[in-house]
Amino acid sequence: MPLTHFDTKGDAHMVDVSDKAVTARVAVAEGHITMAAETFDIISQGKAKKGDVLSVARLAGIMGAKKTPELIPLCHPLPITKVAVELSLDPDLPGVRIQGTVKTTGQTGVEMEALTAVSTAALTVYDMAKAVDKAMQIGGIRVVLKDGGKSGRYEA
């Protein structure tokens, strides 16, 4: 399958979706941020100096999804109908697992918005805890579900 963001000359361009059907679409992405046990304890006990890390990261993830076309050059601006960002503490990492769900009714999918939601939430956790742990690592960011549109359903 050819890459859709390049024309026949190899130049980058925005894909024309005007002939695509308007359908309900959803995408779910996931990722995580690992950290030192001490950092995990600070976050889980609500003792971070910058405030409630998970609540702020959730809000940042929602905002990130809404700003995706401003950050990703060839991304279409979409009428997003739902963004949900869930953050869960996982002592086995130790760290935070993040899941972002984005919905729309439109002519193109919302995978980039879901990925941006997760990425922004993870970066916010890092920002809020970097004073105590600069070695935190963000990883595992991927699309785990995409549904709607001509290509149908994808599940990881």
C-alpha atoms as a PDB file:
ATOM      1  CA  MET A   1       0.000   0.000   0.000  1.00  0.00           C
ATOM      2  CA  PRO A   2       1.508   3.375  -0.990  1.00  0.00           C
ATOM      3  CA  LEU A   3       1.966   6.162   1.540  1.00  0.00           C
ATOM      4  CA  THR A   4      -0.951   8.579   1.221  1.00  0.00           C
ATOM      5  CA  HIS A   5       0.789  11.780   2.305  1.00  0.00           C
ATOM      6  CA  PHE A   6       3.000  11.921  -0.805  1.00  0.00           C
ATOM      7  CA  ASP A   7       1.975  12.821  -4.328  1.00  0.00           C
ATOM      8  CA  THR A   8       3.284  11.188  -7.512  1.00  0.00           C
ATOM      9  CA  LYS A   9       6.354  13.466  -7.420  1.00  0.00           C
ATOM     10  CA  GLY A  10       7.148  12.461  -3.837  1.00  0.00           C
ATOM     11  CA  ASP A  11       6.123  15.803  -2.349  1.00  0.00           C
ATOM     12  CA  ALA A  12       4.271  15.832   0.965  1.00  0.00           C
ATOM     13  CA  HIS A  13       0.636  16.920   0.739  1.00  0.00           C
ATOM     14  CA  MET A  14      -2.573  16.826   2.752  1.00  0.00           C
ATOM     15  CA  VAL A  15      -4.778  13.912   1.708  1.00  0.00           C
ATOM     16  CA  ASP A  16      -8.036  14.936   0.002  1.00  0.00           C
ATOM     17  CA  VAL A  17     -10.834  13.326   2.020  1.00  0.00           C
ATOM     18  CA  SER A  18     -13.697  15.223   0.374  1.00  0.00           C
ATOM     19  CA  ASP A  19     -14.988  12.108  -1.435  1.00  0.00           C
ATOM     20  CA  LYS A  20     -14.847   9.877   1.648  1.00  0.00           C
ATOM     21  CA  ALA A  21     -18.042   8.963   3.466  1.00  0.00           C
ATOM     22  CA  VAL A  22     -18.849  10.570   6.789  1.00  0.00           C
ATOM     23  CA  THR A  23     -18.858   7.759   9.358  1.00  0.00           C
ATOM     24  CA  ALA A  24     -18.567   7.297  13.106  1.00  0.00           C
ATOM     25  CA  ARG A  25     -14.913   6.763  13.967  1.00  0.00           C
ATOM     26  CA  VAL A  26     -13.030   5.879  17.120  1.00  0.00           C
ATOM     27  CA  ALA A  27      -9.395   5.320  18.012  1.00  0.00           C
ATOM     28  CA  VAL A  28      -7.781   4.117  21.221  1.00  0.00           C
ATOM     29  CA  ALA A  29      -4.079   4.511  21.959  1.00  0.00           C
ATOM     30  CA  GLU A  30      -2.008   3.462  24.927  1.00  0.00           C
ATOM     31  CA  GLY A  31       1.392   4.121  26.440  1.00  0.00           C
ATOM     32  CA  HIS A  32       3.190   4.294  29.754  1.00  0.00           C
ATOM     33  CA  ILE A  33       5.810   6.165  31.717  1.00  0.00           C
ATOM     34  CA  THR A  34       8.168   4.314  34.019  1.00  0.00           C
ATOM     35  CA  MET A  35       9.874   5.891  37.000  1.00  0.00           C
ATOM     36  CA  ALA A  36      11.779   5.241  40.175  1.00  0.00           C
ATOM     37  CA  ALA A  37       9.818   3.669  43.032  1.00  0.00           C
ATOM     38  CA  GLU A  38      10.238   6.871  45.061  1.00  0.00           C
ATOM     39  CA  THR A  39       8.699   8.943  42.262  1.00  0.00           C
ATOM     40  CA  PHE A  40       5.830   6.468  41.968  1.00  0.00           C
ATOM     41  CA  ASP A  41       5.199   6.841  45.708  1.00  0.00           C
ATOM     42  CA  ILE A  42       5.182  10.654  45.495  1.00  0.00           C
ATOM     43  CA  ILE A  43       2.636  10.577  42.660  1.00  0.00           C
ATOM     44  CA  SER A  44       0.447   7.862  44.178  1.00  0.00           C
ATOM     45  CA  GLN A  45       0.378   9.613  47.554  1.00  0.00           C
ATOM     46  CA  GLY A  46      -0.475  12.978  45.969  1.00  0.00           C
ATOM     47  CA  LYS A  47       2.702  14.621  47.302  1.00  0.00           C
ATOM     48  CA  ALA A  48       4.084  16.124  44.075  1.00  0.00           C
ATOM     49  CA  LYS A  49       4.998  19.774  44.624  1.00  0.00           C
ATOM     50  CA  LYS A  50       3.316  20.810  41.353  1.00  0.00           C
ATOM     51  CA  GLY A  51      -0.030  19.305  42.375  1.00  0.00           C
ATOM     52  CA  ASP A  52      -2.235  16.377  41.330  1.00  0.00           C
ATOM     53  CA  VAL A  53      -0.108  14.793  38.606  1.00  0.00           C
ATOM     54  CA  LEU A  54      -2.744  12.441  37.191  1.00  0.00           C
ATOM     55  CA  SER A  55      -5.519  15.050  37.010  1.00  0.00           C
ATOM     56  CA  VAL A  56      -3.293  17.586  35.298  1.00  0.00           C
ATOM     57  CA  ALA A  57      -1.966  14.945  32.877  1.00  0.00           C
ATOM     58  CA  ARG A  58      -5.531  13.858  32.028  1.00  0.00           C
ATOM     59  CA  LEU A  59      -6.485  17.433  31.205  1.00  0.00           C
ATOM     60  CA  ALA A  60      -3.287  17.909  29.175  1.00  0.00           C
ATOM     61  CA  GLY A  61      -4.045  14.762  27.185  1.00  0.00           C
ATOM     62  CA  ILE A  62      -7.523  16.009  26.339  1.00  0.00           C
ATOM     63  CA  MET A  63      -6.124  19.375  25.293  1.00  0.00           C
ATOM     64  CA  GLY A  64      -3.391  17.675  23.248  1.00  0.00           C
ATOM     65  CA  ALA A  65      -5.928  15.656  21.268  1.00  0.00           C
ATOM     66  CA  LYS A  66      -7.823  18.838  20.416  1.00  0.00           C
ATOM     67  CA  LYS A  67      -4.609  20.550  19.246  1.00  0.00           C
ATOM     68  CA  THR A  68      -3.365  17.663  17.059  1.00  0.00           C
ATOM     69  CA  PRO A  69      -3.785  19.448  13.681  1.00  0.00           C
ATOM     70  CA  GLU A  70      -1.673  22.318  15.030  1.00  0.00           C
ATOM     71  CA  LEU A  71       1.145  19.910  15.949  1.00  0.00           C
ATOM     72  CA  ILE A  72       1.106  17.344  13.119  1.00  0.00           C
ATOM     73  CA  PRO A  73       1.589  19.195   9.816  1.00  0.00           C
ATOM     74  CA  LEU A  74      -0.689  17.150   7.511  1.00  0.00           C
ATOM     75  CA  CYS A  75      -3.379  16.237  10.029  1.00  0.00           C
ATOM     76  CA  HIS A  76      -6.951  17.319   9.227  1.00  0.00           C
ATOM     77  CA  PRO A  77      -8.795  19.458  11.780  1.00  0.00           C
ATOM     78  CA  LEU A  78     -11.716  17.315  12.922  1.00  0.00           C
ATOM     79  CA  PRO A  79     -14.912  17.862  14.894  1.00  0.00           C
ATOM     80  CA  ILE A  80     -13.924  15.733  17.873  1.00  0.00           C
ATOM     81  CA  THR A  81     -16.993  14.503  19.750  1.00  0.00           C
ATOM     82  CA  LYS A  82     -15.221  12.787  22.654  1.00  0.00           C
ATOM     83  CA  VAL A  83     -11.798  12.580  24.241  1.00  0.00           C
ATOM     84  CA  ALA A  84     -11.197  10.399  27.280  1.00  0.00           C
ATOM     85  CA  VAL A  85      -7.792   9.953  28.903  1.00  0.00           C
ATOM     86  CA  GLU A  86      -7.372   7.363  31.613  1.00  0.00           C
ATOM     87  CA  LEU A  87      -4.254   7.209  33.773  1.00  0.00           C
ATOM     88  CA  SER A  88      -3.677   4.313  36.117  1.00  0.00           C
ATOM     89  CA  LEU A  89      -0.896   3.776  38.594  1.00  0.00           C
ATOM     90  CA  ASP A  90       0.937   0.498  38.030  1.00  0.00           C
ATOM     91  CA  PRO A  91       3.321  -0.508  40.828  1.00  0.00           C
ATOM     92  CA  ASP A  92       4.724  -3.315  38.647  1.00  0.00           C
ATOM     93  CA  LEU A  93       6.298  -0.810  36.205  1.00  0.00           C
ATOM     94  CA  PRO A  94       6.568   1.219  38.489  1.00  0.00           C
ATOM     95  CA  GLY A  95       4.796   4.041  36.713  1.00  0.00           C
ATOM     96  CA  VAL A  96       1.646   5.195  35.004  1.00  0.00           C
ATOM     97  CA  ARG A  97      -0.302   3.485  32.224  1.00  0.00           C
ATOM     98  CA  ILE A  98      -2.168   5.830  29.913  1.00  0.00           C
ATOM     99  CA  GLN A  99      -5.041   5.179  27.531  1.00  0.00           C
ATOM    100  CA  GLY A 100      -6.606   7.760  25.224  1.00  0.00           C
ATOM    101  CA  THR A 101      -9.902   7.339  23.377  1.00  0.00           C
ATOM    102  CA  VAL A 102     -11.049   9.784  20.709  1.00  0.00           C
ATOM    103  CA  LYS A 103     -14.308   9.791  18.737  1.00  0.00           C
ATOM    104  CA  THR A 104     -15.623  11.761  15.797  1.00  0.00           C
ATOM    105  CA  THR A 105     -18.117  11.565  12.990  1.00  0.00           C
ATOM    106  CA  GLY A 106     -16.188  12.556   9.930  1.00  0.00           C
ATOM    107  CA  GLN A 107     -14.312  11.696   6.776  1.00  0.00           C
ATOM    108  CA  THR A 108     -11.022  10.615   8.335  1.00  0.00           C
ATOM    109  CA  GLY A 109      -9.885   8.784  11.443  1.00  0.00           C
ATOM    110  CA  VAL A 110      -8.729   9.983  14.836  1.00  0.00           C
ATOM    111  CA  GLU A 111      -5.680   7.773  15.408  1.00  0.00           C
ATOM    112  CA  MET A 112      -3.349  10.772  15.518  1.00  0.00           C
ATOM    113  CA  GLU A 113      -5.543  12.484  18.093  1.00  0.00           C
ATOM    114  CA  ALA A 114      -5.535   9.408  20.336  1.00  0.00           C
ATOM    115  CA  LEU A 115      -1.748   9.080  20.021  1.00  0.00           C
ATOM    116  CA  THR A 116      -1.311  12.784  20.768  1.00  0.00           C
ATOM    117  CA  ALA A 117      -3.558  12.507  23.834  1.00  0.00           C
ATOM    118  CA  VAL A 118      -1.415   9.703  25.269  1.00  0.00           C
ATOM    119  CA  SER A 119       1.862  11.412  24.367  1.00  0.00           C
ATOM    120  CA  THR A 120       0.816  14.738  25.877  1.00  0.00           C
ATOM    121  CA  ALA A 121      -0.399  13.080  29.074  1.00  0.00           C
ATOM    122  CA  ALA A 122       2.892  11.175  29.414  1.00  0.00           C
ATOM    123  CA  LEU A 123       4.942  14.315  28.805  1.00  0.00           C
ATOM    124  CA  THR A 124       2.906  16.103  31.467  1.00  0.00           C
ATOM    125  CA  VAL A 125       3.604  13.383  34.025  1.00  0.00           C
ATOM    126  CA  TYR A 126       7.292  13.776  33.174  1.00  0.00           C
ATOM    127  CA  ASP A 127       7.127  17.559  33.491  1.00  0.00           C
ATOM    128  CA  MET A 128       5.382  17.448  36.839  1.00  0.00           C
ATOM    129  CA  ALA A 129       7.813  14.934  38.367  1.00  0.00           C
ATOM    130  CA  LYS A 130      11.122  15.723  36.631  1.00  0.00           C
ATOM    131  CA  ALA A 131      12.408  17.641  39.649  1.00  0.00           C
ATOM    132  CA  VAL A 132      12.681  14.331  41.513  1.00  0.00           C
ATOM    133  CA  ASP A 133      13.281  11.906  38.618  1.00  0.00           C
ATOM    134  CA  LYS A 134      14.871  12.965  35.351  1.00  0.00           C
ATOM    135  CA  ALA A 135      15.388   9.304  34.344  1.00  0.00           C
ATOM    136  CA  MET A 136      11.684   8.578  33.757  1.00  0.00           C
ATOM    137  CA  GLN A 137      11.018   6.859  30.431  1.00  0.00           C
ATOM    138  CA  ILE A 138       8.023   7.192  28.135  1.00  0.00           C
ATOM    139  CA  GLY A 139       7.258   4.192  25.965  1.00  0.00           C
ATOM    140  CA  GLY A 140       4.853   1.743  24.403  1.00  0.00           C
ATOM    141  CA  ILE A 141       2.819   4.413  22.637  1.00  0.00           C
ATOM    142  CA  ARG A 142       0.683   2.744  19.990  1.00  0.00           C
ATOM    143  CA  VAL A 143      -2.795   2.498  18.498  1.00  0.00           C
ATOM    144  CA  VAL A 144      -4.659  -0.463  19.981  1.00  0.00           C
ATOM    145  CA  LEU A 145      -8.042   0.104  18.320  1.00  0.00           C
ATOM    146  CA  LYS A 146      -9.274   1.946  15.266  1.00  0.00           C
ATOM    147  CA  ASP A 147     -12.784   1.600  13.910  1.00  0.00           C
ATOM    148  CA  GLY A 148     -14.831   3.303  11.218  1.00  0.00           C
ATOM    149  CA  GLY A 149     -14.201   4.333   7.661  1.00  0.00           C
ATOM    150  CA  LYS A 150     -13.383   2.340   4.568  1.00  0.00           C
ATOM    151  CA  SER A 151     -10.547   0.338   6.116  1.00  0.00           C
ATOM    152  CA  GLY A 152     -12.825  -0.907   8.905  1.00  0.00           C
ATOM    153  CA  ARG A 153     -11.672  -2.173  12.268  1.00  0.00           C
ATOM    154  CA  TYR A 154      -8.129  -2.670  13.511  1.00  0.00           C
ATOM    155  CA  GLU A 155      -7.299  -4.153  16.910  1.00  0.00           C
ATOM    156  CA  ALA A 156      -3.782  -4.728  18.191  1.00  0.00           C
END
